[in-house]
Amino acid sequence: MEKWIGVWKRSKTENYGPYLKVAMPNAPWAGRQAMQHSSITHDININETKLRVLMTSSFTTNDGAFELGADFIVKEMKGKKVSEKAYWDGDALCVLRVPEDGTREILVKR
């Protein structure tokens, strides 16, 4: 668990363009392209069962707090409700997000 604590700079992503298209369907193509190629840092803190991920880019800041292993928590992101949960999959830290309409699931695995 301690290996995830700290400030991390994104060095590579897989399928980030398609992810942005699903996660932000109303964002313009140029905006998604800029986000795809922007520098992103994640400041990750874990305290027993609490996880906090502060994501910062040149476009936005997102401060996420989770209870590891807890059931879904309903949050509001940019005016829309989403259900999220954080859990361990082996030594991988996972955050699963399901938008209110339930049409898709977005899994971020670190």
C-alpha atoms as a PDB file:
ATOM      1  CA  MET A   1       0.000   0.000   0.000  1.00  0.00           C
ATOM      2  CA  GLU A   2       2.794   2.438   0.855  1.00  0.00           C
ATOM      3  CA  LYS A   3       4.252   2.159  -2.647  1.00  0.00           C
ATOM      4  CA  TRP A   4       1.319   4.215  -3.993  1.00  0.00           C
ATOM      5  CA  ILE A   5       1.736   7.139  -1.582  1.00  0.00           C
ATOM      6  CA  GLY A   6       3.343  10.215  -3.124  1.00  0.00           C
ATOM      7  CA  VAL A   7       3.198  12.521  -6.112  1.00  0.00           C
ATOM      8  CA  TRP A   8       3.145  10.785  -9.497  1.00  0.00           C
ATOM      9  CA  LYS A   9       3.494  12.241 -12.973  1.00  0.00           C
ATOM     10  CA  ARG A  10       1.692  10.454 -15.791  1.00  0.00           C
ATOM     11  CA  SER A  11       4.224   8.838 -18.095  1.00  0.00           C
ATOM     12  CA  LYS A  12       1.867   6.842 -20.312  1.00  0.00           C
ATOM     13  CA  THR A  13      -1.768   5.932 -20.682  1.00  0.00           C
ATOM     14  CA  GLU A  14      -3.648   3.244 -22.541  1.00  0.00           C
ATOM     15  CA  ASN A  15      -6.957   3.970 -24.270  1.00  0.00           C
ATOM     16  CA  TYR A  16      -7.129   7.491 -22.784  1.00  0.00           C
ATOM     17  CA  GLY A  17      -8.614   9.025 -25.955  1.00  0.00           C
ATOM     18  CA  PRO A  18     -11.547   6.577 -26.049  1.00  0.00           C
ATOM     19  CA  TYR A  19     -11.938   6.990 -22.264  1.00  0.00           C
ATOM     20  CA  LEU A  20     -12.237  10.775 -22.601  1.00  0.00           C
ATOM     21  CA  LYS A  21     -14.781  10.383 -25.388  1.00  0.00           C
ATOM     22  CA  VAL A  22     -16.975   8.240 -23.115  1.00  0.00           C
ATOM     23  CA  ALA A  23     -16.299  10.135 -19.884  1.00  0.00           C
ATOM     24  CA  MET A  24     -16.762  13.570 -21.466  1.00  0.00           C
ATOM     25  CA  PRO A  25     -19.089  13.081 -24.455  1.00  0.00           C
ATOM     26  CA  ASN A  26     -19.953  16.787 -24.703  1.00  0.00           C
ATOM     27  CA  ALA A  27     -16.352  18.004 -24.663  1.00  0.00           C
ATOM     28  CA  PRO A  28     -15.074  19.257 -28.019  1.00  0.00           C
ATOM     29  CA  TRP A  29     -12.566  17.128 -29.917  1.00  0.00           C
ATOM     30  CA  ALA A  30      -9.812  19.757 -29.551  1.00  0.00           C
ATOM     31  CA  GLY A  31     -10.345  19.875 -25.776  1.00  0.00           C
ATOM     32  CA  ARG A  32     -10.091  16.100 -25.463  1.00  0.00           C
ATOM     33  CA  GLN A  33      -6.913  16.123 -27.584  1.00  0.00           C
ATOM     34  CA  ALA A  34      -5.365  18.783 -25.353  1.00  0.00           C
ATOM     35  CA  MET A  35      -6.254  16.791 -22.225  1.00  0.00           C
ATOM     36  CA  GLN A  36      -4.862  13.615 -23.747  1.00  0.00           C
ATOM     37  CA  HIS A  37      -1.475  15.258 -24.261  1.00  0.00           C
ATOM     38  CA  SER A  38      -1.359  17.428 -21.117  1.00  0.00           C
ATOM     39  CA  SER A  39       0.888  16.817 -18.158  1.00  0.00           C
ATOM     40  CA  ILE A  40      -1.031  15.274 -15.258  1.00  0.00           C
ATOM     41  CA  THR A  41       0.106  14.644 -11.693  1.00  0.00           C
ATOM     42  CA  HIS A  42      -1.589  12.545  -9.032  1.00  0.00           C
ATOM     43  CA  ASP A  43      -0.949  13.181  -5.334  1.00  0.00           C
ATOM     44  CA  ILE A  44      -1.988   9.946  -3.608  1.00  0.00           C
ATOM     45  CA  ASN A  45      -2.423   9.574   0.160  1.00  0.00           C
ATOM     46  CA  ILE A  46      -3.622   6.439   1.916  1.00  0.00           C
ATOM     47  CA  ASN A  47      -4.415   6.341   5.632  1.00  0.00           C
ATOM     48  CA  GLU A  48      -5.638   2.894   6.774  1.00  0.00           C
ATOM     49  CA  THR A  49      -8.895   2.576   4.780  1.00  0.00           C
ATOM     50  CA  LYS A  50      -9.058   6.131   3.427  1.00  0.00           C
ATOM     51  CA  LEU A  51      -7.741   7.030  -0.025  1.00  0.00           C
ATOM     52  CA  ARG A  52      -7.318  10.553  -1.381  1.00  0.00           C
ATOM     53  CA  VAL A  53      -6.270  11.232  -4.977  1.00  0.00           C
ATOM     54  CA  LEU A  54      -5.620  14.829  -6.005  1.00  0.00           C
ATOM     55  CA  MET A  55      -5.303  14.978  -9.800  1.00  0.00           C
ATOM     56  CA  THR A  56      -3.896  18.183 -11.264  1.00  0.00           C
ATOM     57  CA  SER A  57      -3.457  19.140 -14.907  1.00  0.00           C
ATOM     58  CA  SER A  58      -3.179  22.391 -16.798  1.00  0.00           C
ATOM     59  CA  PHE A  59      -6.962  22.182 -17.371  1.00  0.00           C
ATOM     60  CA  THR A  60      -8.479  20.998 -14.116  1.00  0.00           C
ATOM     61  CA  THR A  61      -8.030  19.811 -10.559  1.00  0.00           C
ATOM     62  CA  ASN A  62     -10.015  16.885  -9.170  1.00  0.00           C
ATOM     63  CA  ASP A  63      -9.897  15.997  -5.480  1.00  0.00           C
ATOM     64  CA  GLY A  64     -11.234  12.495  -4.848  1.00  0.00           C
ATOM     65  CA  ALA A  65     -11.721  10.909  -1.426  1.00  0.00           C
ATOM     66  CA  PHE A  66     -12.654   7.238  -1.037  1.00  0.00           C
ATOM     67  CA  GLU A  67     -13.217   4.611   1.634  1.00  0.00           C
ATOM     68  CA  LEU A  68     -11.244   1.596   0.383  1.00  0.00           C
ATOM     69  CA  GLY A  69     -13.420  -1.501   0.035  1.00  0.00           C
ATOM     70  CA  ALA A  70     -16.674   0.336   0.842  1.00  0.00           C
ATOM     71  CA  ASP A  71     -19.810   0.127  -1.274  1.00  0.00           C
ATOM     72  CA  PHE A  72     -20.459   2.704  -3.977  1.00  0.00           C
ATOM     73  CA  ILE A  73     -20.557   6.340  -2.872  1.00  0.00           C
ATOM     74  CA  VAL A  74     -22.688   8.776  -4.894  1.00  0.00           C
ATOM     75  CA  LYS A  75     -20.841  11.987  -5.796  1.00  0.00           C
ATOM     76  CA  GLU A  76     -21.445  14.928  -8.066  1.00  0.00           C
ATOM     77  CA  MET A  77     -18.890  15.649 -10.786  1.00  0.00           C
ATOM     78  CA  LYS A  78     -19.341  18.663 -13.021  1.00  0.00           C
ATOM     79  CA  GLY A  79     -23.080  18.748 -12.284  1.00  0.00           C
ATOM     80  CA  LYS A  80     -23.694  15.019 -12.866  1.00  0.00           C
ATOM     81  CA  LYS A  81     -24.102  12.269 -10.305  1.00  0.00           C
ATOM     82  CA  VAL A  82     -21.752   9.288 -10.400  1.00  0.00           C
ATOM     83  CA  SER A  83     -21.279   6.281  -8.148  1.00  0.00           C
ATOM     84  CA  GLU A  84     -17.689   5.457  -7.272  1.00  0.00           C
ATOM     85  CA  LYS A  85     -15.811   2.910  -5.228  1.00  0.00           C
ATOM     86  CA  ALA A  86     -12.136   2.208  -4.604  1.00  0.00           C
ATOM     87  CA  TYR A  87     -10.660  -1.222  -3.946  1.00  0.00           C
ATOM     88  CA  TRP A  88      -7.530  -3.337  -4.243  1.00  0.00           C
ATOM     89  CA  ASP A  89      -7.166  -5.876  -7.044  1.00  0.00           C
ATOM     90  CA  GLY A  90      -4.035  -7.707  -5.945  1.00  0.00           C
ATOM     91  CA  ASP A  91      -1.471  -4.909  -5.686  1.00  0.00           C
ATOM     92  CA  ALA A  92      -3.350  -2.675  -8.167  1.00  0.00           C
ATOM     93  CA  LEU A  93      -5.318   0.291  -6.831  1.00  0.00           C
ATOM     94  CA  CYS A  94      -8.689   0.509  -8.643  1.00  0.00           C
ATOM     95  CA  VAL A  95     -11.385   3.184  -8.805  1.00  0.00           C
ATOM     96  CA  LEU A  96     -14.650   2.172 -10.495  1.00  0.00           C
ATOM     97  CA  ARG A  97     -16.990   4.975 -11.632  1.00  0.00           C
ATOM     98  CA  VAL A  98     -20.557   4.470 -12.914  1.00  0.00           C
ATOM     99  CA  PRO A  99     -22.455   7.535 -14.220  1.00  0.00           C
ATOM    100  CA  GLU A 100     -26.014   8.105 -13.008  1.00  0.00           C
ATOM    101  CA  ASP A 101     -27.508   6.862 -16.291  1.00  0.00           C
ATOM    102  CA  GLY A 102     -25.769   3.492 -15.769  1.00  0.00           C
ATOM    103  CA  THR A 103     -24.847   3.186 -19.446  1.00  0.00           C
ATOM    104  CA  ARG A 104     -21.183   2.424 -18.817  1.00  0.00           C
ATOM    105  CA  GLU A 105     -18.512   1.706 -16.230  1.00  0.00           C
ATOM    106  CA  ILE A 106     -15.161   3.460 -16.120  1.00  0.00           C
ATOM    107  CA  LEU A 107     -12.330   1.623 -14.344  1.00  0.00           C
ATOM    108  CA  VAL A 108      -9.088   3.402 -13.483  1.00  0.00           C
ATOM    109  CA  LYS A 109      -6.437   0.891 -12.454  1.00  0.00           C
ATOM    110  CA  ARG A 110      -3.037   1.952 -11.103  1.00  0.00           C
END
